[in-house]
Amino acid sequence: MLFNPTPIERLTSLTTQLIEKHATEHDELNVLREEIATLRMSAKAKDDEIVALSNELLEKDIEIEAIVSKIESLLG
């Protein structure tokens, strides 16, 4: 004998499936939100490091320029 679900049984089954899918998608969304927050913090840290290294490079360039100027004054 074939099982022929009633409309209410089909609706109940579909509703259950939708609820389960929603819960799964909600959990996945939370994981993605956490990953985004982690990536943003990492990007900020890298941006801060880039700024610090750029400033350090600028200071080194100034020091090199001063040394070059001293050498040029000694040579000529």
PDB file of N, CA and C in Angstrom:
ATOM      1  N   MET A   1       0.841  -1.174   0.000  1.00  0.00           N
ATOM      2  CA  MET A   1       0.000   0.000   0.000  1.00  0.00           C
ATOM      3  C   MET A   1       0.888   1.239   0.000  1.00  0.00           C
ATOM      4  N   LEU A   2       0.566   2.190  -0.822  1.00  0.00           N
ATOM      5  CA  LEU A   2       1.327   3.422  -0.915  1.00  0.00           C
ATOM      6  C   LEU A   2       0.920   4.384   0.185  1.00  0.00           C
ATOM      7  N   PHE A   3       1.941   5.076   0.674  1.00  0.00           N
ATOM      8  CA  PHE A   3       1.674   6.081   1.694  1.00  0.00           C
ATOM      9  C   PHE A   3       1.316   7.371   0.980  1.00  0.00           C
ATOM     10  N   ASN A   4       0.152   7.871   1.239  1.00  0.00           N
ATOM     11  CA  ASN A   4      -0.316   9.101   0.620  1.00  0.00           C
ATOM     12  C   ASN A   4      -0.582  10.107   1.733  1.00  0.00           C
ATOM     13  N   PRO A   5       0.418  10.994   2.008  1.00  0.00           N
ATOM     14  CA  PRO A   5       0.254  11.899   3.141  1.00  0.00           C
ATOM     15  C   PRO A   5      -0.860  12.909   2.896  1.00  0.00           C
ATOM     16  N   THR A   6      -1.468  13.241   3.974  1.00  0.00           N
ATOM     17  CA  THR A   6      -2.521  14.253   3.905  1.00  0.00           C
ATOM     18  C   THR A   6      -1.876  15.614   3.759  1.00  0.00           C
ATOM     19  N   PRO A   7      -2.635  16.607   3.333  1.00  0.00           N
ATOM     20  CA  PRO A   7      -2.064  17.954   3.199  1.00  0.00           C
ATOM     21  C   PRO A   7      -1.460  18.476   4.508  1.00  0.00           C
ATOM     22  N   ILE A   8      -2.080  18.176   5.631  1.00  0.00           N
ATOM     23  CA  ILE A   8      -1.548  18.649   6.913  1.00  0.00           C
ATOM     24  C   ILE A   8      -0.236  17.955   7.236  1.00  0.00           C
ATOM     25  N   GLU A   9      -0.123  16.671   6.887  1.00  0.00           N
ATOM     26  CA  GLU A   9       1.133  15.945   7.109  1.00  0.00           C
ATOM     27  C   GLU A   9       2.240  16.510   6.215  1.00  0.00           C
ATOM     28  N   ARG A  10       1.900  16.797   4.983  1.00  0.00           N
ATOM     29  CA  ARG A  10       2.892  17.398   4.073  1.00  0.00           C
ATOM     30  C   ARG A  10       3.312  18.769   4.583  1.00  0.00           C
ATOM     31  N   LEU A  11       2.336  19.545   5.018  1.00  0.00           N
ATOM     32  CA  LEU A  11       2.634  20.880   5.537  1.00  0.00           C
ATOM     33  C   LEU A  11       3.506  20.793   6.787  1.00  0.00           C
ATOM     34  N   THR A  12       3.209  19.861   7.652  1.00  0.00           N
ATOM     35  CA  THR A  12       4.004  19.659   8.866  1.00  0.00           C
ATOM     36  C   THR A  12       5.433  19.264   8.511  1.00  0.00           C
ATOM     37  N   SER A  13       5.570  18.357   7.563  1.00  0.00           N
ATOM     38  CA  SER A  13       6.893  17.920   7.143  1.00  0.00           C
ATOM     39  C   SER A  13       7.681  19.071   6.531  1.00  0.00           C
ATOM     40  N   LEU A  14       7.054  19.828   5.660  1.00  0.00           N
ATOM     41  CA  LEU A  14       7.725  20.965   5.030  1.00  0.00           C
ATOM     42  C   LEU A  14       8.097  22.036   6.057  1.00  0.00           C
ATOM     43  N   THR A  15       7.212  22.264   6.997  1.00  0.00           N
ATOM     44  CA  THR A  15       7.483  23.256   8.041  1.00  0.00           C
ATOM     45  C   THR A  15       8.673  22.821   8.885  1.00  0.00           C
ATOM     46  N   THR A  16       8.725  21.557   9.235  1.00  0.00           N
ATOM     47  CA  THR A  16       9.847  21.020  10.004  1.00  0.00           C
ATOM     48  C   THR A  16      11.153  21.174   9.233  1.00  0.00           C
ATOM     49  N   GLN A  17      11.102  20.860   7.945  1.00  0.00           N
ATOM     50  CA  GLN A  17      12.294  21.014   7.110  1.00  0.00           C
ATOM     51  C   GLN A  17      12.749  22.482   7.046  1.00  0.00           C
ATOM     52  N   LEU A  18      11.792  23.383   6.906  1.00  0.00           N
ATOM     53  CA  LEU A  18      12.126  24.809   6.861  1.00  0.00           C
ATOM     54  C   LEU A  18      12.745  25.285   8.173  1.00  0.00           C
ATOM     55  N   ILE A  19      12.210  24.823   9.271  1.00  0.00           N
ATOM     56  CA  ILE A  19      12.750  25.211  10.582  1.00  0.00           C
ATOM     57  C   ILE A  19      14.177  24.690  10.740  1.00  0.00           C
ATOM     58  N   GLU A  20      14.398  23.446  10.349  1.00  0.00           N
ATOM     59  CA  GLU A  20      15.743  22.872  10.437  1.00  0.00           C
ATOM     60  C   GLU A  20      16.717  23.623   9.528  1.00  0.00           C
ATOM     61  N   LYS A  21      16.270  23.926   8.318  1.00  0.00           N
ATOM     62  CA  LYS A  21      17.131  24.662   7.388  1.00  0.00           C
ATOM     63  C   LYS A  21      17.431  26.060   7.927  1.00  0.00           C
ATOM     64  N   HIS A  22      16.435  26.703   8.498  1.00  0.00           N
ATOM     65  CA  HIS A  22      16.640  28.038   9.071  1.00  0.00           C
ATOM     66  C   HIS A  22      17.668  27.987  10.195  1.00  0.00           C
ATOM     67  N   ALA A  23      17.568  26.981  11.054  1.00  0.00           N
ATOM     68  CA  ALA A  23      18.512  26.847  12.162  1.00  0.00           C
ATOM     69  C   ALA A  23      19.928  26.630  11.637  1.00  0.00           C
ATOM     70  N   THR A  24      20.059  25.792  10.611  1.00  0.00           N
ATOM     71  CA  THR A  24      21.370  25.535  10.018  1.00  0.00           C
ATOM     72  C   THR A  24      21.936  26.813   9.402  1.00  0.00           C
ATOM     73  N   GLU A  25      21.118  27.511   8.641  1.00  0.00           N
ATOM     74  CA  GLU A  25      21.556  28.757   7.998  1.00  0.00           C
ATOM     75  C   GLU A  25      21.899  29.821   9.048  1.00  0.00           C
ATOM     76  N   HIS A  26      21.141  29.855  10.113  1.00  0.00           N
ATOM     77  CA  HIS A  26      21.401  30.824  11.183  1.00  0.00           C
ATOM     78  C   HIS A  26      22.762  30.546  11.831  1.00  0.00           C
ATOM     79  N   ASP A  27      23.041  29.279  12.097  1.00  0.00           N
ATOM     80  CA  ASP A  27      24.339  28.902  12.666  1.00  0.00           C
ATOM     81  C   ASP A  27      25.480  29.260  11.720  1.00  0.00           C
ATOM     82  N   GLU A  28      25.276  28.983  10.434  1.00  0.00           N
ATOM     83  CA  GLU A  28      26.304  29.305   9.444  1.00  0.00           C
ATOM     84  C   GLU A  28      26.519  30.817   9.360  1.00  0.00           C
ATOM     85  N   LEU A  29      25.456  31.573   9.439  1.00  0.00           N
ATOM     86  CA  LEU A  29      25.559  33.036   9.422  1.00  0.00           C
ATOM     87  C   LEU A  29      26.369  33.528  10.612  1.00  0.00           C
ATOM     88  N   ASN A  30      26.123  32.955  11.777  1.00  0.00           N
ATOM     89  CA  ASN A  30      26.891  33.357  12.962  1.00  0.00           C
ATOM     90  C   ASN A  30      28.375  33.032  12.809  1.00  0.00           C
ATOM     91  N   VAL A  31      28.681  31.887  12.232  1.00  0.00           N
ATOM     92  CA  VAL A  31      30.081  31.520  11.989  1.00  0.00           C
ATOM     93  C   VAL A  31      30.719  32.525  11.035  1.00  0.00           C
ATOM     94  N   LEU A  32      30.011  32.864   9.975  1.00  0.00           N
ATOM     95  CA  LEU A  32      30.538  33.828   9.006  1.00  0.00           C
ATOM     96  C   LEU A  32      30.725  35.208   9.639  1.00  0.00           C
ATOM     97  N   ARG A  33      29.808  35.610  10.491  1.00  0.00           N
ATOM     98  CA  ARG A  33      29.952  36.899  11.183  1.00  0.00           C
ATOM     99  C   ARG A  33      31.202  36.912  12.064  1.00  0.00           C
ATOM    100  N   GLU A  34      31.436  35.808  12.752  1.00  0.00           N
ATOM    101  CA  GLU A  34      32.638  35.698  13.585  1.00  0.00           C
ATOM    102  C   GLU A  34      33.901  35.748  12.733  1.00  0.00           C
ATOM    103  N   GLU A  35      33.877  35.065  11.590  1.00  0.00           N
ATOM    104  CA  GLU A  35      35.023  35.087  10.686  1.00  0.00           C
ATOM    105  C   GLU A  35      35.274  36.503  10.163  1.00  0.00           C
ATOM    106  N   ILE A  36      34.216  37.209   9.822  1.00  0.00           N
ATOM    107  CA  ILE A  36      34.355  38.585   9.345  1.00  0.00           C
ATOM    108  C   ILE A  36      34.966  39.456  10.429  1.00  0.00           C
ATOM    109  N   ALA A  37      34.495  39.314  11.648  1.00  0.00           N
ATOM    110  CA  ALA A  37      35.044  40.111  12.751  1.00  0.00           C
ATOM    111  C   ALA A  37      36.529  39.807  12.943  1.00  0.00           C
ATOM    112  N   THR A  38      36.889  38.542  12.873  1.00  0.00           N
ATOM    113  CA  THR A  38      38.296  38.154  13.010  1.00  0.00           C
ATOM    114  C   THR A  38      39.130  38.737  11.876  1.00  0.00           C
ATOM    115  N   LEU A  39      38.626  38.646  10.655  1.00  0.00           N
ATOM    116  CA  LEU A  39      39.348  39.188   9.502  1.00  0.00           C
ATOM    117  C   LEU A  39      39.495  40.704   9.596  1.00  0.00           C
ATOM    118  N   ARG A  40      38.466  41.374  10.078  1.00  0.00           N
ATOM    119  CA  ARG A  40      38.550  42.835  10.237  1.00  0.00           C
ATOM    120  C   ARG A  40      39.611  43.213  11.265  1.00  0.00           C
ATOM    121  N   MET A  41      39.660  42.469  12.374  1.00  0.00           N
ATOM    122  CA  MET A  41      40.677  42.747  13.396  1.00  0.00           C
ATOM    123  C   MET A  41      42.072  42.493  12.832  1.00  0.00           C
ATOM    124  N   SER A  42      42.208  41.419  12.079  1.00  0.00           N
ATOM    125  CA  SER A  42      43.496  41.097  11.472  1.00  0.00           C
ATOM    126  C   SER A  42      43.903  42.171  10.464  1.00  0.00           C
ATOM    127  N   ALA A  43      42.962  42.616   9.656  1.00  0.00           N
ATOM    128  CA  ALA A  43      43.251  43.658   8.667  1.00  0.00           C
ATOM    129  C   ALA A  43      43.652  44.951   9.366  1.00  0.00           C
ATOM    130  N   LYS A  44      42.976  45.287  10.459  1.00  0.00           N
ATOM    131  CA  LYS A  44      43.323  46.507  11.196  1.00  0.00           C
ATOM    132  C   LYS A  44      44.738  46.400  11.752  1.00  0.00           C
ATOM    133  N   ALA A  45      45.078  45.243  12.312  1.00  0.00           N
ATOM    134  CA  ALA A  45      46.418  45.041  12.856  1.00  0.00           C
ATOM    135  C   ALA A  45      47.467  45.168  11.745  1.00  0.00           C
ATOM    136  N   LYS A  46      47.172  44.610  10.581  1.00  0.00           N
ATOM    137  CA  LYS A  46      48.109  44.706   9.464  1.00  0.00           C
ATOM    138  C   LYS A  46      48.218  46.145   8.966  1.00  0.00           C
ATOM    139  N   ASP A  47      47.098  46.857   8.914  1.00  0.00           N
ATOM    140  CA  ASP A  47      47.131  48.272   8.521  1.00  0.00           C
ATOM    141  C   ASP A  47      47.976  49.081   9.497  1.00  0.00           C
ATOM    142  N   ASP A  48      47.801  48.809  10.786  1.00  0.00           N
ATOM    143  CA  ASP A  48      48.600  49.513  11.799  1.00  0.00           C
ATOM    144  C   ASP A  48      50.085  49.203  11.626  1.00  0.00           C
ATOM    145  N   GLU A  49      50.388  47.939  11.331  1.00  0.00           N
ATOM    146  CA  GLU A  49      51.779  47.543  11.128  1.00  0.00           C
ATOM    147  C   GLU A  49      52.358  48.228   9.887  1.00  0.00           C
ATOM    148  N   ILE A  50      51.562  48.321   8.830  1.00  0.00           N
ATOM    149  CA  ILE A  50      52.013  48.993   7.608  1.00  0.00           C
ATOM    150  C   ILE A  50      52.314  50.457   7.880  1.00  0.00           C
ATOM    151  N   VAL A  51      51.449  51.118   8.637  1.00  0.00           N
ATOM    152  CA  VAL A  51      51.679  52.524   8.975  1.00  0.00           C
ATOM    153  C   VAL A  51      52.967  52.665   9.784  1.00  0.00           C
ATOM    154  N   ALA A  52      53.152  51.797  10.761  1.00  0.00           N
ATOM    155  CA  ALA A  52      54.357  51.859  11.590  1.00  0.00           C
ATOM    156  C   ALA A  52      55.603  51.619  10.750  1.00  0.00           C
ATOM    157  N   LEU A  53      55.560  50.641   9.862  1.00  0.00           N
ATOM    158  CA  LEU A  53      56.713  50.355   9.007  1.00  0.00           C
ATOM    159  C   LEU A  53      56.972  51.483   8.016  1.00  0.00           C
ATOM    160  N   SER A  54      55.916  52.093   7.529  1.00  0.00           N
ATOM    161  CA  SER A  54      56.083  53.239   6.626  1.00  0.00           C
ATOM    162  C   SER A  54      56.737  54.405   7.341  1.00  0.00           C
ATOM    163  N   ASN A  55      56.328  54.637   8.569  1.00  0.00           N
ATOM    164  CA  ASN A  55      56.947  55.702   9.365  1.00  0.00           C
ATOM    165  C   ASN A  55      58.416  55.390   9.645  1.00  0.00           C
ATOM    166  N   GLU A  56      58.687  54.138   9.959  1.00  0.00           N
ATOM    167  CA  GLU A  56      60.063  53.723  10.212  1.00  0.00           C
ATOM    168  C   GLU A  56      60.910  53.893   8.945  1.00  0.00           C
ATOM    169  N   LEU A  57      60.349  53.538   7.813  1.00  0.00           N
ATOM    170  CA  LEU A  57      61.050  53.695   6.544  1.00  0.00           C
ATOM    171  C   LEU A  57      61.329  55.169   6.250  1.00  0.00           C
ATOM    172  N   LEU A  58      60.352  56.007   6.525  1.00  0.00           N
ATOM    173  CA  LEU A  58      60.538  57.445   6.337  1.00  0.00           C
ATOM    174  C   LEU A  58      61.664  57.967   7.226  1.00  0.00           C
ATOM    175  N   GLU A  59      61.707  57.532   8.476  1.00  0.00           N
ATOM    176  CA  GLU A  59      62.780  57.934   9.386  1.00  0.00           C
ATOM    177  C   GLU A  59      64.136  57.462   8.863  1.00  0.00           C
ATOM    178  N   LYS A  60      64.191  56.232   8.363  1.00  0.00           N
ATOM    179  CA  LYS A  60      65.451  55.707   7.814  1.00  0.00           C
ATOM    180  C   LYS A  60      65.874  56.512   6.578  1.00  0.00           C
ATOM    181  N   ASP A  61      64.911  56.877   5.738  1.00  0.00           N
ATOM    182  CA  ASP A  61      65.225  57.690   4.569  1.00  0.00           C
ATOM    183  C   ASP A  61      65.809  59.042   4.978  1.00  0.00           C
ATOM    184  N   ILE A  62      65.258  59.633   6.031  1.00  0.00           N
ATOM    185  CA  ILE A  62      65.767  60.905   6.532  1.00  0.00           C
ATOM    186  C   ILE A  62      67.192  60.731   7.059  1.00  0.00           C
ATOM    187  N   GLU A  63      67.428  59.643   7.784  1.00  0.00           N
ATOM    188  CA  GLU A  63      68.774  59.364   8.292  1.00  0.00           C
ATOM    189  C   GLU A  63      69.762  59.170   7.137  1.00  0.00           C
ATOM    190  N   ILE A  64      69.370  58.430   6.119  1.00  0.00           N
ATOM    191  CA  ILE A  64      70.234  58.190   4.964  1.00  0.00           C
ATOM    192  C   ILE A  64      70.533  59.504   4.256  1.00  0.00           C
ATOM    193  N   GLU A  65      69.522  60.327   4.113  1.00  0.00           N
ATOM    194  CA  GLU A  65      69.704  61.621   3.456  1.00  0.00           C
ATOM    195  C   GLU A  65      70.699  62.484   4.232  1.00  0.00           C
ATOM    196  N   ALA A  66      70.633  62.428   5.553  1.00  0.00           N
ATOM    197  CA  ALA A  66      71.569  63.188   6.381  1.00  0.00           C
ATOM    198  C   ALA A  66      72.990  62.657   6.201  1.00  0.00           C
ATOM    199  N   ILE A  67      73.132  61.344   6.153  1.00  0.00           N
ATOM    200  CA  ILE A  67      74.459  60.735   5.954  1.00  0.00           C
ATOM    201  C   ILE A  67      75.012  61.119   4.578  1.00  0.00           C
ATOM    202  N   VAL A  68      74.166  61.033   3.564  1.00  0.00           N
ATOM    203  CA  VAL A  68      74.587  61.394   2.209  1.00  0.00           C
ATOM    204  C   VAL A  68      75.034  62.850   2.174  1.00  0.00           C
ATOM    205  N   SER A  69      74.285  63.715   2.840  1.00  0.00           N
ATOM    206  CA  SER A  69      74.656  65.137   2.884  1.00  0.00           C
ATOM    207  C   SER A  69      76.016  65.326   3.549  1.00  0.00           C
ATOM    208  N   LYS A  70      76.276  64.613   4.631  1.00  0.00           N
ATOM    209  CA  LYS A  70      77.564  64.719   5.320  1.00  0.00           C
ATOM    210  C   LYS A  70      78.707  64.233   4.423  1.00  0.00           C
ATOM    211  N   ILE A  71      78.459  63.112   3.721  1.00  0.00           N
ATOM    212  CA  ILE A  71      79.486  62.572   2.826  1.00  0.00           C
ATOM    213  C   ILE A  71      79.759  63.569   1.693  1.00  0.00           C
ATOM    214  N   GLU A  72      78.693  64.131   1.131  1.00  0.00           N
ATOM    215  CA  GLU A  72      78.860  65.113   0.063  1.00  0.00           C
ATOM    216  C   GLU A  72      79.632  66.337   0.551  1.00  0.00           C
ATOM    217  N   SER A  73      79.366  66.774   1.778  1.00  0.00           N
ATOM    218  CA  SER A  73      80.081  67.943   2.310  1.00  0.00           C
ATOM    219  C   SER A  73      81.559  67.611   2.532  1.00  0.00           C
ATOM    220  N   LEU A  74      81.859  66.360   2.917  1.00  0.00           N
ATOM    221  CA  LEU A  74      83.243  65.952   3.106  1.00  0.00           C
ATOM    222  C   LEU A  74      83.990  65.856   1.771  1.00  0.00           C
ATOM    223  N   LEU A  75      83.280  65.466   0.736  1.00  0.00           N
ATOM    224  CA  LEU A  75      83.906  65.290  -0.572  1.00  0.00           C
ATOM    225  C   LEU A  75      84.031  66.614  -1.353  1.00  0.00           C
ATOM    226  N   GLY A  76      83.235  67.517  -0.998  1.00  0.00           N
ATOM    227  CA  GLY A  76      83.368  68.640  -1.869  1.00  0.00           C
ATOM    228  C   GLY A  76      82.922  69.934  -1.483  1.00  0.00           C
TER     229      GLY A  76
END
